[in-house]
């Protein structure tokens, strides 16, 4: 699907579900950060990690090479949605510039 998106002129793509999530169950089991890293390496367009992404695991997705993260419940389900969004932007807003502090993915991690 990612190759097809590139061939059809997509400017970016989402990839996932990266982590377990009920909202993306119809899309199959989580692919994990190793598959995310491979997808990011093998495409020329920005790839955003999607599915089960939370502030606790977003750094691993960025470390895998994701241009950014896409999430909903981590913000809308928070007691303070505005604060949750601000924290995510503060921590990961510069991900594409390599300033997010994500950890590199090691072989065997998922």
Protein backbone atom coordinates (compact mmCIF):
# COMPACT_ATOMS: atom_id res chain seq x y z
CA UNK A 1 0.00 0.00 0.00
CA UNK A 2 2.85 2.38 0.79
CA UNK A 3 4.49 1.83 -2.60
CA UNK A 4 1.13 2.36 -4.28
CA UNK A 5 0.64 5.62 -2.38
CA UNK A 6 4.04 6.86 -3.56
CA UNK A 7 3.36 5.79 -7.15
CA UNK A 8 0.07 7.70 -7.10
CA UNK A 9 1.77 10.89 -5.91
CA UNK A 10 1.04 10.93 -2.18
CA UNK A 11 2.83 13.68 -0.24
CA UNK A 12 2.87 11.61 2.96
CA UNK A 13 1.51 8.36 4.38
CA UNK A 14 0.31 6.95 7.66
CA UNK A 15 1.57 3.51 8.65
CA UNK A 16 0.03 1.16 11.15
CA UNK A 17 -1.42 0.16 13.35
CA UNK A 18 2.02 0.31 14.95
CA UNK A 19 0.83 -0.64 18.45
CA UNK A 20 -2.21 -2.53 19.78
CA UNK A 21 -5.41 -0.50 19.57
CA UNK A 22 -9.10 -1.31 19.50
CA UNK A 23 -9.86 1.53 17.08
CA UNK A 24 -7.74 -0.03 14.32
CA UNK A 25 -8.62 -3.71 14.92
CA UNK A 26 -10.18 -3.98 11.46
CA UNK A 27 -6.78 -3.22 9.92
CA UNK A 28 -5.16 -6.31 11.42
CA UNK A 29 -2.65 -6.92 14.18
CA UNK A 30 -0.10 -4.26 15.11
CA UNK A 31 2.87 -4.16 12.74
CA UNK A 32 5.38 -2.96 15.35
CA UNK A 33 8.26 -0.52 15.18
CA UNK A 34 10.58 -2.81 13.19
CA UNK A 35 8.11 -2.83 10.28
CA UNK A 36 7.66 0.92 10.73
CA UNK A 37 11.44 1.43 10.54
CA UNK A 38 11.63 -0.66 7.36
CA UNK A 39 8.77 1.30 5.77
CA UNK A 40 10.40 4.61 6.66
CA UNK A 41 13.74 3.52 5.18
CA UNK A 42 12.16 2.26 1.97
CA UNK A 43 10.06 5.26 1.00
CA UNK A 44 10.89 8.79 -0.04
CA UNK A 45 7.77 10.40 1.43
CA UNK A 46 7.22 11.28 5.10
CA UNK A 47 5.63 8.44 7.09
CA UNK A 48 3.51 9.10 10.17
CA UNK A 49 3.08 6.37 12.81
CA UNK A 50 -0.59 5.61 13.50
CA UNK A 51 -2.46 3.19 15.74
CA UNK A 52 -1.96 2.77 19.46
CA UNK A 53 0.47 5.69 19.60
CA UNK A 54 0.69 7.26 23.07
CA UNK A 55 3.11 9.68 24.66
CA UNK A 56 4.81 6.69 26.30
CA UNK A 57 5.62 4.93 23.00
CA UNK A 58 5.77 7.83 20.54
CA UNK A 59 9.53 8.22 21.03
CA UNK A 60 10.09 4.67 19.79
CA UNK A 61 8.05 5.42 16.66
CA UNK A 62 10.08 8.57 16.02
CA UNK A 63 13.26 6.61 16.70
CA UNK A 64 12.15 4.12 14.06
CA UNK A 65 12.23 6.91 11.52
CA UNK A 66 8.64 8.17 11.52
CA UNK A 67 8.36 11.75 10.32
CA UNK A 68 5.70 12.25 12.96
CA UNK A 69 2.91 10.63 14.93
CA UNK A 70 -0.85 10.56 14.48
CA UNK A 71 -3.13 9.88 17.42
CA UNK A 72 -6.53 10.75 18.76
CA UNK A 73 -7.28 9.07 22.09
CA UNK A 74 -4.05 10.28 23.70
CA UNK A 75 -5.46 13.78 23.44
CA UNK A 76 -9.26 13.57 23.45
CA UNK A 77 -9.41 11.03 26.29
CA UNK A 78 -7.02 13.03 28.49
CA UNK A 79 -8.35 14.90 31.52
CA UNK A 80 -6.73 18.01 30.01
CA UNK A 81 -6.78 17.60 26.21
CA UNK A 82 -5.15 20.97 25.58
CA UNK A 83 -2.34 20.12 28.00
CA UNK A 84 -1.91 16.66 26.49
CA UNK A 85 -1.63 18.14 22.99
CA UNK A 86 0.84 20.77 24.19
CA UNK A 87 3.01 18.11 25.83
CA UNK A 88 3.08 16.03 22.64
CA UNK A 89 4.01 19.05 20.54
CA UNK A 90 6.69 20.01 23.05
CA UNK A 91 8.22 16.53 23.08
CA UNK A 92 7.75 15.49 19.46
CA UNK A 93 6.96 18.63 17.48
CA UNK A 94 10.46 18.76 16.02
CA UNK A 95 10.61 15.06 15.16
CA UNK A 96 11.34 15.65 11.49
CA UNK A 97 14.32 17.79 12.44
CA UNK A 98 15.74 14.95 14.52
CA UNK A 99 15.10 16.82 17.74
CA UNK A 100 12.42 14.62 19.31
CA UNK A 101 14.68 12.52 21.47
CA UNK A 102 13.30 9.26 20.14
CA UNK A 103 15.25 6.11 20.85
CA UNK A 104 16.69 4.10 18.00
CA UNK A 105 15.00 0.79 17.29
CA UNK A 106 17.06 -2.33 17.91
CA UNK A 107 16.57 -5.55 15.97
CA UNK A 108 14.12 -7.81 17.81
CA UNK A 109 12.11 -4.97 19.37
CA UNK A 110 8.51 -4.59 18.40
